[in-house]
C-alpha cells in the first residue's frame, strides 16, 4: 500500500511539473529593440528609462566595489565613450583609471519570465559581461543596485526594480505566438483526466473493494495485457493487416 501511494505521489508531481512548463510564457525580445519584449500576457518596455537626468552620462549609477562605479542605460548608449564603438550600455569607472565597457547595447539579449522574476538583459564587451535582472515593482520608477550574489571574474550582476518591468498592455497578435496551443491544452486535459482516473481508482478499490498493494491499480488486467495487445497490433500492421487465421476448404 505504501509503495502504491509513493508511485501515485511521484506521478502527481510529474503531472504538475508538466503543467507548469506548459503554462510558462517567456517574454520574447522584440526584434530591433534592446530593452523591450512581449508575450501573450503583455509587453515589457524599459524605454521610459532611456534618458539620463540633466548633466548625467547615464540614467543609473551604482557602486559594485569600493574602487569602481558602474553606469547603466537600459535602451540607448551612455553619453561619452567607454568603448571604441560608442555603444556602451554598462560602463565601469575605475577610480584613478579609465572607463571600461562592461557591455554594449548591440549585444543586449533579453530573456526570461517576468512573473517568475527570471527576466534579465545580458550584455557583453570583450572579456567583460554584465547581467541586469529586471524585477517588477509597481512602487518604483527605477532602482538600480548590485545583485548581492558573487559572480565569476569580469562578470557583473545588477538588479533593476521598476514598474516598467511589469506587463503593461497586450501586444498585437503575431503569427506563431498566440499563447498556449490547442495541442498543449489537449495534452494538459489528458494528463489531468489520467491523474483523476488513477487517484479515484486507487481510492475506490482500496476503501470500497478492500484491495491491497498492486491490486489497487485500476483495471489491472487491462494494463497487464496492454504490452501484448500492442505487440499483436504491431505484428498485424507489419503483416499488411492480414490475419494468420486459415480456413480449410470444403
Foldseek 3Di string as FASTA:
>chain_A
DVVLVVVLVVLVVVLVVLVVVLQAWKWADDPPFQAKTAAQVAIQGPVVQADDPPPAQANDWEDPDPFKIKGAGRTAFGPDDQDPVSFAGIWIDGHPDHIHGQFGSVQWDWIDGQVVQGTWIWGHDDLAIEIEGEHADLVAQWDKYFDPDDDDPNYGYIYIYHNSSDGDHGDDDDPPGNGRDPVSVVVSVVSVVVSCVQVVQLVCCCPPVVDDDPRSGPPSVCVVCVVVVVVVVVVCVVVVVDDPDDDDDD
